[in-house]
């Protein structure tokens, strides 16, 4: 694995170049000569962080089986309110 270093100014000018370098290994992005950020492939990030992030509720719901064929009729709720003014 090759580690590359790119100056912040060069990164800003040519992000595509930094992405191509990241395919070979981590890219350190420097700010005034000091490493400030690291760019790496998402697979490498997941390996370092312990896996993919947990799914959101929406992601989980989208994975549930469809319920088109289920007959269901909701009953009306009765609410008794006594509002004093």
PDB file of N, CA and C in Angstrom:
ATOM      1  N   UNK A   1       0.846  -1.170   0.000  1.00  0.00           N
ATOM      2  CA  UNK A   1       0.000   0.000   0.000  1.00  0.00           C
ATOM      3  C   UNK A   1       0.895   1.238   0.000  1.00  0.00           C
ATOM      4  N   UNK A   2       0.608   2.122  -0.902  1.00  0.00           N
ATOM      5  CA  UNK A   2       1.377   3.351  -1.033  1.00  0.00           C
ATOM      6  C   UNK A   2       0.641   4.494  -0.343  1.00  0.00           C
ATOM      7  N   UNK A   3       1.359   5.286   0.437  1.00  0.00           N
ATOM      8  CA  UNK A   3       0.776   6.469   1.064  1.00  0.00           C
ATOM      9  C   UNK A   3       1.251   7.693   0.291  1.00  0.00           C
ATOM     10  N   UNK A   4       0.293   8.501  -0.147  1.00  0.00           N
ATOM     11  CA  UNK A   4       0.605   9.714  -0.905  1.00  0.00           C
ATOM     12  C   UNK A   4       0.319  10.942  -0.049  1.00  0.00           C
ATOM     13  N   UNK A   5       0.988  12.021  -0.365  1.00  0.00           N
ATOM     14  CA  UNK A   5       0.762  13.305   0.301  1.00  0.00           C
ATOM     15  C   UNK A   5       0.454  14.351  -0.759  1.00  0.00           C
ATOM     16  N   UNK A   6      -0.604  15.118  -0.519  1.00  0.00           N
ATOM     17  CA  UNK A   6      -1.033  16.161  -1.454  1.00  0.00           C
ATOM     18  C   UNK A   6      -1.243  17.448  -0.658  1.00  0.00           C
ATOM     19  N   UNK A   7      -0.721  18.535  -1.171  1.00  0.00           N
ATOM     20  CA  UNK A   7      -0.941  19.838  -0.534  1.00  0.00           C
ATOM     21  C   UNK A   7      -2.403  20.246  -0.698  1.00  0.00           C
ATOM     22  N   UNK A   8      -2.922  20.945   0.283  1.00  0.00           N
ATOM     23  CA  UNK A   8      -4.316  21.380   0.262  1.00  0.00           C
ATOM     24  C   UNK A   8      -4.645  22.157  -1.008  1.00  0.00           C
ATOM     25  N   UNK A   9      -3.752  23.017  -1.436  1.00  0.00           N
ATOM     26  CA  UNK A   9      -3.967  23.812  -2.645  1.00  0.00           C
ATOM     27  C   UNK A   9      -4.081  22.906  -3.876  1.00  0.00           C
ATOM     28  N   UNK A  10      -3.204  21.883  -3.980  1.00  0.00           N
ATOM     29  CA  UNK A  10      -3.254  20.953  -5.112  1.00  0.00           C
ATOM     30  C   UNK A  10      -4.518  20.104  -5.065  1.00  0.00           C
ATOM     31  N   UNK A  11      -4.925  19.727  -3.862  1.00  0.00           N
ATOM     32  CA  UNK A  11      -6.156  18.949  -3.703  1.00  0.00           C
ATOM     33  C   UNK A  11      -7.348  19.749  -4.215  1.00  0.00           C
ATOM     34  N   UNK A  12      -7.395  21.019  -3.864  1.00  0.00           N
ATOM     35  CA  UNK A  12      -8.492  21.887  -4.295  1.00  0.00           C
ATOM     36  C   UNK A  12      -8.531  22.034  -5.811  1.00  0.00           C
ATOM     37  N   UNK A  13      -7.369  22.123  -6.426  1.00  0.00           N
ATOM     38  CA  UNK A  13      -7.295  22.292  -7.882  1.00  0.00           C
ATOM     39  C   UNK A  13      -7.648  21.031  -8.646  1.00  0.00           C
ATOM     40  N   UNK A  14      -7.296  19.849  -8.093  1.00  0.00           N
ATOM     41  CA  UNK A  14      -7.484  18.605  -8.844  1.00  0.00           C
ATOM     42  C   UNK A  14      -7.892  17.466  -7.914  1.00  0.00           C
ATOM     43  N   UNK A  15      -9.151  17.481  -7.517  1.00  0.00           N
ATOM     44  CA  UNK A  15      -9.680  16.441  -6.631  1.00  0.00           C
ATOM     45  C   UNK A  15      -9.597  15.075  -7.305  1.00  0.00           C
ATOM     46  N   UNK A  16      -9.806  15.027  -8.602  1.00  0.00           N
ATOM     47  CA  UNK A  16      -9.751  13.763  -9.342  1.00  0.00           C
ATOM     48  C   UNK A  16      -8.408  13.078  -9.202  1.00  0.00           C
ATOM     49  N   UNK A  17      -7.338  13.856  -9.214  1.00  0.00           N
ATOM     50  CA  UNK A  17      -5.995  13.290  -9.045  1.00  0.00           C
ATOM     51  C   UNK A  17      -5.868  12.643  -7.669  1.00  0.00           C
ATOM     52  N   UNK A  18      -6.362  13.315  -6.648  1.00  0.00           N
ATOM     53  CA  UNK A  18      -6.303  12.764  -5.291  1.00  0.00           C
ATOM     54  C   UNK A  18      -7.132  11.489  -5.186  1.00  0.00           C
ATOM     55  N   UNK A  19      -8.268  11.440  -5.858  1.00  0.00           N
ATOM     56  CA  UNK A  19      -9.092  10.227  -5.840  1.00  0.00           C
ATOM     57  C   UNK A  19      -8.370   9.068  -6.509  1.00  0.00           C
ATOM     58  N   UNK A  20      -7.681   9.349  -7.607  1.00  0.00           N
ATOM     59  CA  UNK A  20      -6.916   8.285  -8.276  1.00  0.00           C
ATOM     60  C   UNK A  20      -5.793   7.784  -7.375  1.00  0.00           C
ATOM     61  N   UNK A  21      -5.142   8.689  -6.658  1.00  0.00           N
ATOM     62  CA  UNK A  21      -4.094   8.278  -5.723  1.00  0.00           C
ATOM     63  C   UNK A  21      -4.678   7.438  -4.588  1.00  0.00           C
ATOM     64  N   UNK A  22      -5.876   7.787  -4.134  1.00  0.00           N
ATOM     65  CA  UNK A  22      -6.517   7.056  -3.038  1.00  0.00           C
ATOM     66  C   UNK A  22      -6.842   5.620  -3.429  1.00  0.00           C
ATOM     67  N   UNK A  23      -6.956   5.350  -4.726  1.00  0.00           N
ATOM     68  CA  UNK A  23      -7.182   3.972  -5.169  1.00  0.00           C
ATOM     69  C   UNK A  23      -5.972   3.100  -4.862  1.00  0.00           C
ATOM     70  N   UNK A  24      -4.793   3.723  -4.721  1.00  0.00           N
ATOM     71  CA  UNK A  24      -3.560   2.989  -4.427  1.00  0.00           C
ATOM     72  C   UNK A  24      -3.276   2.903  -2.929  1.00  0.00           C
ATOM     73  N   UNK A  25      -3.846   3.804  -2.155  1.00  0.00           N
ATOM     74  CA  UNK A  25      -3.607   3.840  -0.716  1.00  0.00           C
ATOM     75  C   UNK A  25      -4.028   5.179  -0.150  1.00  0.00           C
ATOM     76  N   UNK A  26      -3.879   5.376   1.153  1.00  0.00           N
ATOM     77  CA  UNK A  26      -4.306   6.623   1.781  1.00  0.00           C
ATOM     78  C   UNK A  26      -3.596   7.843   1.195  1.00  0.00           C
ATOM     79  N   UNK A  27      -4.308   8.955   1.175  1.00  0.00           N
ATOM     80  CA  UNK A  27      -3.746  10.224   0.721  1.00  0.00           C
ATOM     81  C   UNK A  27      -3.826  11.198   1.892  1.00  0.00           C
ATOM     82  N   UNK A  28      -2.673  11.681   2.336  1.00  0.00           N
ATOM     83  CA  UNK A  28      -2.640  12.700   3.373  1.00  0.00           C
ATOM     84  C   UNK A  28      -2.717  14.058   2.698  1.00  0.00           C
ATOM     85  N   UNK A  29      -3.654  14.879   3.144  1.00  0.00           N
ATOM     86  CA  UNK A  29      -3.812  16.223   2.608  1.00  0.00           C
ATOM     87  C   UNK A  29      -3.231  17.175   3.647  1.00  0.00           C
ATOM     88  N   UNK A  30      -2.241  17.933   3.216  1.00  0.00           N
ATOM     89  CA  UNK A  30      -1.533  18.788   4.167  1.00  0.00           C
ATOM     90  C   UNK A  30      -2.068  20.209   4.157  1.00  0.00           C
ATOM     91  N   UNK A  31      -1.964  20.834   5.304  1.00  0.00           N
ATOM     92  CA  UNK A  31      -2.304  22.242   5.456  1.00  0.00           C
ATOM     93  C   UNK A  31      -1.061  22.926   6.008  1.00  0.00           C
ATOM     94  N   UNK A  32      -0.426  23.715   5.164  1.00  0.00           N
ATOM     95  CA  UNK A  32       0.847  24.370   5.502  1.00  0.00           C
ATOM     96  C   UNK A  32       1.918  23.348   5.879  1.00  0.00           C
ATOM     97  N   UNK A  33       1.944  22.257   5.123  1.00  0.00           N
ATOM     98  CA  UNK A  33       2.984  21.251   5.295  1.00  0.00           C
ATOM     99  C   UNK A  33       2.716  20.204   6.357  1.00  0.00           C
ATOM    100  N   UNK A  34       1.639  20.355   7.115  1.00  0.00           N
ATOM    101  CA  UNK A  34       1.304  19.403   8.175  1.00  0.00           C
ATOM    102  C   UNK A  34       0.090  18.585   7.760  1.00  0.00           C
ATOM    103  N   UNK A  35       0.144  17.245   7.872  1.00  0.00           N
ATOM    104  CA  UNK A  35      -1.029  16.436   7.531  1.00  0.00           C
ATOM    105  C   UNK A  35      -2.250  16.875   8.345  1.00  0.00           C
ATOM    106  N   UNK A  36      -3.328  17.183   7.646  1.00  0.00           N
ATOM    107  CA  UNK A  36      -4.545  17.664   8.299  1.00  0.00           C
ATOM    108  C   UNK A  36      -5.737  16.754   8.046  1.00  0.00           C
ATOM    109  N   UNK A  37      -5.732  16.055   6.913  1.00  0.00           N
ATOM    110  CA  UNK A  37      -6.843  15.191   6.527  1.00  0.00           C
ATOM    111  C   UNK A  37      -6.287  13.940   5.874  1.00  0.00           C
ATOM    112  N   UNK A  38      -7.122  12.905   5.830  1.00  0.00           N
ATOM    113  CA  UNK A  38      -6.749  11.682   5.123  1.00  0.00           C
ATOM    114  C   UNK A  38      -7.897  11.296   4.197  1.00  0.00           C
ATOM    115  N   UNK A  39      -7.576  10.985   2.964  1.00  0.00           N
ATOM    116  CA  UNK A  39      -8.549  10.533   1.978  1.00  0.00           C
ATOM    117  C   UNK A  39      -8.269   9.069   1.711  1.00  0.00           C
ATOM    118  N   UNK A  40      -9.309   8.228   1.822  1.00  0.00           N
ATOM    119  CA  UNK A  40      -9.118   6.811   1.550  1.00  0.00           C
ATOM    120  C   UNK A  40     -10.376   6.215   0.947  1.00  0.00           C
ATOM    121  N   UNK A  41     -10.216   5.022   0.354  1.00  0.00           N
ATOM    122  CA  UNK A  41     -11.351   4.334  -0.251  1.00  0.00           C
ATOM    123  C   UNK A  41     -12.349   3.978   0.843  1.00  0.00           C
ATOM    124  N   UNK A  42     -13.613   3.949   0.483  1.00  0.00           N
ATOM    125  CA  UNK A  42     -14.659   3.674   1.461  1.00  0.00           C
ATOM    126  C   UNK A  42     -14.490   2.289   2.075  1.00  0.00           C
ATOM    127  N   UNK A  43     -14.009   1.326   1.298  1.00  0.00           N
ATOM    128  CA  UNK A  43     -13.786  -0.018   1.837  1.00  0.00           C
ATOM    129  C   UNK A  43     -12.735   0.015   2.946  1.00  0.00           C
ATOM    130  N   UNK A  44     -11.693   0.821   2.740  1.00  0.00           N
ATOM    131  CA  UNK A  44     -10.655   0.957   3.764  1.00  0.00           C
ATOM    132  C   UNK A  44     -11.211   1.643   5.010  1.00  0.00           C
ATOM    133  N   UNK A  45     -12.058   2.627   4.803  1.00  0.00           N
ATOM    134  CA  UNK A  45     -12.669   3.317   5.940  1.00  0.00           C
ATOM    135  C   UNK A  45     -13.519   2.348   6.752  1.00  0.00           C
ATOM    136  N   UNK A  46     -14.355   1.553   6.068  1.00  0.00           N
ATOM    137  CA  UNK A  46     -15.192   0.588   6.780  1.00  0.00           C
ATOM    138  C   UNK A  46     -14.339  -0.422   7.539  1.00  0.00           C
ATOM    139  N   UNK A  47     -13.242  -0.854   6.934  1.00  0.00           N
ATOM    140  CA  UNK A  47     -12.353  -1.805   7.611  1.00  0.00           C
ATOM    141  C   UNK A  47     -11.763  -1.184   8.878  1.00  0.00           C
ATOM    142  N   UNK A  48     -11.407   0.086   8.822  1.00  0.00           N
ATOM    143  CA  UNK A  48     -10.836   0.764   9.987  1.00  0.00           C
ATOM    144  C   UNK A  48     -11.877   1.070  11.057  1.00  0.00           C
ATOM    145  N   UNK A  49     -13.087   1.386  10.630  1.00  0.00           N
ATOM    146  CA  UNK A  49     -14.119   1.816  11.580  1.00  0.00           C
ATOM    147  C   UNK A  49     -14.948   0.662  12.123  1.00  0.00           C
ATOM    148  N   UNK A  50     -14.705  -0.542  11.635  1.00  0.00           N
ATOM    149  CA  UNK A  50     -15.438  -1.685  12.170  1.00  0.00           C
ATOM    150  C   UNK A  50     -16.668  -2.071  11.379  1.00  0.00           C
ATOM    151  N   UNK A  51     -16.812  -1.599  10.187  1.00  0.00           N
ATOM    152  CA  UNK A  51     -17.927  -2.029   9.346  1.00  0.00           C
ATOM    153  C   UNK A  51     -18.779  -0.878   8.864  1.00  0.00           C
ATOM    154  N   UNK A  52     -19.795  -1.250   8.153  1.00  0.00           N
ATOM    155  CA  UNK A  52     -20.705  -0.251   7.598  1.00  0.00           C
ATOM    156  C   UNK A  52     -21.537   0.370   8.716  1.00  0.00           C
ATOM    157  N   UNK A  53     -22.010   1.592   8.495  1.00  0.00           N
ATOM    158  CA  UNK A  53     -22.853   2.220   9.515  1.00  0.00           C
ATOM    159  C   UNK A  53     -24.173   1.473   9.648  1.00  0.00           C
ATOM    160  N   UNK A  54     -24.794   1.608  10.814  1.00  0.00           N
ATOM    161  CA  UNK A  54     -26.084   0.958  11.017  1.00  0.00           C
ATOM    162  C   UNK A  54     -27.111   1.552  10.060  1.00  0.00           C
ATOM    163  N   UNK A  55     -28.074   0.718   9.690  1.00  0.00           N
ATOM    164  CA  UNK A  55     -29.113   1.166   8.772  1.00  0.00           C
ATOM    165  C   UNK A  55     -30.083   2.101   9.485  1.00  0.00           C
ATOM    166  N   UNK A  56     -30.623   3.036   8.750  1.00  0.00           N
ATOM    167  CA  UNK A  56     -31.633   3.932   9.310  1.00  0.00           C
ATOM    168  C   UNK A  56     -32.975   3.208   9.342  1.00  0.00           C
ATOM    169  N   UNK A  57     -33.934   3.776  10.037  1.00  0.00           N
ATOM    170  CA  UNK A  57     -35.270   3.197  10.091  1.00  0.00           C
ATOM    171  C   UNK A  57     -35.862   3.094   8.688  1.00  0.00           C
ATOM    172  N   UNK A  58     -35.642   4.098   7.862  1.00  0.00           N
ATOM    173  CA  UNK A  58     -36.149   4.071   6.491  1.00  0.00           C
ATOM    174  C   UNK A  58     -35.527   2.921   5.708  1.00  0.00           C
ATOM    175  N   UNK A  59     -34.219   2.707   5.858  1.00  0.00           N
ATOM    176  CA  UNK A  59     -33.555   1.590   5.183  1.00  0.00           C
ATOM    177  C   UNK A  59     -34.175   0.263   5.606  1.00  0.00           C
ATOM    178  N   UNK A  60     -34.425   0.108   6.898  1.00  0.00           N
ATOM    179  CA  UNK A  60     -35.023  -1.129   7.402  1.00  0.00           C
ATOM    180  C   UNK A  60     -36.438  -1.317   6.869  1.00  0.00           C
ATOM    181  N   UNK A  61     -37.216  -0.237   6.837  1.00  0.00           N
ATOM    182  CA  UNK A  61     -38.593  -0.335   6.351  1.00  0.00           C
ATOM    183  C   UNK A  61     -38.638  -0.679   4.868  1.00  0.00           C
ATOM    184  N   UNK A  62     -37.699  -0.130   4.098  1.00  0.00           N
ATOM    185  CA  UNK A  62     -37.669  -0.433   2.669  1.00  0.00           C
ATOM    186  C   UNK A  62     -37.328  -1.898   2.422  1.00  0.00           C
ATOM    187  N   UNK A  63     -36.675  -2.542   3.364  1.00  0.00           N
ATOM    188  CA  UNK A  63     -36.317  -3.947   3.224  1.00  0.00           C
ATOM    189  C   UNK A  63     -37.416  -4.904   3.663  1.00  0.00           C
ATOM    190  N   UNK A  64     -38.508  -4.372   4.222  1.00  0.00           N
ATOM    191  CA  UNK A  64     -39.597  -5.230   4.697  1.00  0.00           C
ATOM    192  C   UNK A  64     -40.451  -5.695   3.518  1.00  0.00           C
ATOM    193  N   UNK A  65     -41.107  -6.859   3.683  1.00  0.00           N
ATOM    194  CA  UNK A  65     -41.976  -7.340   2.597  1.00  0.00           C
ATOM    195  C   UNK A  65     -43.168  -6.404   2.404  1.00  0.00           C
ATOM    196  N   UNK A  66     -43.650  -6.360   1.185  1.00  0.00           N
ATOM    197  CA  UNK A  66     -44.790  -5.504   0.856  1.00  0.00           C
ATOM    198  C   UNK A  66     -46.060  -6.063   1.487  1.00  0.00           C
ATOM    199  N   UNK A  67     -47.014  -5.182   1.750  1.00  0.00           N
ATOM    200  CA  UNK A  67     -48.271  -5.586   2.392  1.00  0.00           C
ATOM    201  C   UNK A  67     -49.479  -5.274   1.516  1.00  0.00           C
ATOM    202  N   UNK A  68     -49.292  -5.244   0.215  1.00  0.00           N
ATOM    203  CA  UNK A  68     -50.384  -4.880  -0.695  1.00  0.00           C
ATOM    204  C   UNK A  68     -51.589  -5.805  -0.576  1.00  0.00           C
ATOM    205  N   UNK A  69     -51.373  -7.084  -0.331  1.00  0.00           N
ATOM    206  CA  UNK A  69     -52.467  -8.048  -0.342  1.00  0.00           C
ATOM    207  C   UNK A  69     -53.157  -8.239   0.990  1.00  0.00           C
ATOM    208  N   UNK A  70     -52.842  -7.465   1.989  1.00  0.00           N
ATOM    209  CA  UNK A  70     -53.429  -7.639   3.317  1.00  0.00           C
ATOM    210  C   UNK A  70     -54.647  -6.735   3.442  1.00  0.00           C
ATOM    211  N   UNK A  71     -55.787  -7.342   3.818  1.00  0.00           N
ATOM    212  CA  UNK A  71     -57.009  -6.572   4.040  1.00  0.00           C
ATOM    213  C   UNK A  71     -57.036  -6.110   5.490  1.00  0.00           C
ATOM    214  N   UNK A  72     -57.185  -4.815   5.686  1.00  0.00           N
ATOM    215  CA  UNK A  72     -57.223  -4.256   7.032  1.00  0.00           C
ATOM    216  C   UNK A  72     -58.095  -3.023   7.016  1.00  0.00           C
ATOM    217  N   UNK A  73     -58.993  -2.958   7.978  1.00  0.00           N
ATOM    218  CA  UNK A  73     -59.841  -1.783   8.095  1.00  0.00           C
ATOM    219  C   UNK A  73     -59.706  -1.254   9.514  1.00  0.00           C
ATOM    220  N   UNK A  74     -59.256  -0.057   9.629  1.00  0.00           N
ATOM    221  CA  UNK A  74     -59.070   0.539  10.951  1.00  0.00           C
ATOM    222  C   UNK A  74     -60.402   1.037  11.481  1.00  0.00           C
ATOM    223  N   UNK A  75     -60.628   0.824  12.771  1.00  0.00           N
ATOM    224  CA  UNK A  75     -61.865   1.320  13.375  1.00  0.00           C
ATOM    225  C   UNK A  75     -61.649   2.760  13.822  1.00  0.00           C
ATOM    226  N   UNK A  76     -62.755   3.501  13.881  1.00  0.00           N
ATOM    227  CA  UNK A  76     -62.663   4.892  14.304  1.00  0.00           C
ATOM    228  C   UNK A  76     -62.410   4.945  15.803  1.00  0.00           C
ATOM    229  N   UNK A  77     -61.580   5.851  16.190  1.00  0.00           N
ATOM    230  CA  UNK A  77     -61.334   6.058  17.610  1.00  0.00           C
ATOM    231  C   UNK A  77     -62.329   7.083  18.130  1.00  0.00           C
ATOM    232  N   UNK A  78     -62.902   6.798  19.299  1.00  0.00           N
ATOM    233  CA  UNK A  78     -63.827   7.744  19.909  1.00  0.00           C
ATOM    234  C   UNK A  78     -63.080   8.510  20.983  1.00  0.00           C
ATOM    235  N   UNK A  79     -63.166   9.822  20.897  1.00  0.00           N
ATOM    236  CA  UNK A  79     -62.473  10.674  21.851  1.00  0.00           C
ATOM    237  C   UNK A  79     -63.511  11.546  22.542  1.00  0.00           C
ATOM    238  N   UNK A  80     -63.531  11.485  23.871  1.00  0.00           N
ATOM    239  CA  UNK A  80     -64.465  12.283  24.654  1.00  0.00           C
ATOM    240  C   UNK A  80     -63.675  13.400  25.313  1.00  0.00           C
ATOM    241  N   UNK A  81     -63.889  14.622  24.842  1.00  0.00           N
ATOM    242  CA  UNK A  81     -63.161  15.765  25.372  1.00  0.00           C
ATOM    243  C   UNK A  81     -64.099  16.677  26.136  1.00  0.00           C
ATOM    244  N   UNK A  82     -63.660  17.108  27.290  1.00  0.00           N
ATOM    245  CA  UNK A  82     -64.408  18.088  28.068  1.00  0.00           C
ATOM    246  C   UNK A  82     -63.494  19.290  28.235  1.00  0.00           C
ATOM    247  N   UNK A  83     -63.701  20.285  27.399  1.00  0.00           N
ATOM    248  CA  UNK A  83     -62.830  21.451  27.396  1.00  0.00           C
ATOM    249  C   UNK A  83     -63.533  22.589  28.123  1.00  0.00           C
ATOM    250  N   UNK A  84     -62.922  23.038  29.208  1.00  0.00           N
ATOM    251  CA  UNK A  84     -63.473  24.157  29.964  1.00  0.00           C
ATOM    252  C   UNK A  84     -62.755  25.432  29.560  1.00  0.00           C
ATOM    253  N   UNK A  85     -63.532  26.509  29.480  1.00  0.00           N
ATOM    254  CA  UNK A  85     -62.910  27.783  29.118  1.00  0.00           C
ATOM    255  C   UNK A  85     -62.858  28.709  30.284  1.00  0.00           C
TER     256      UNK A  85
END
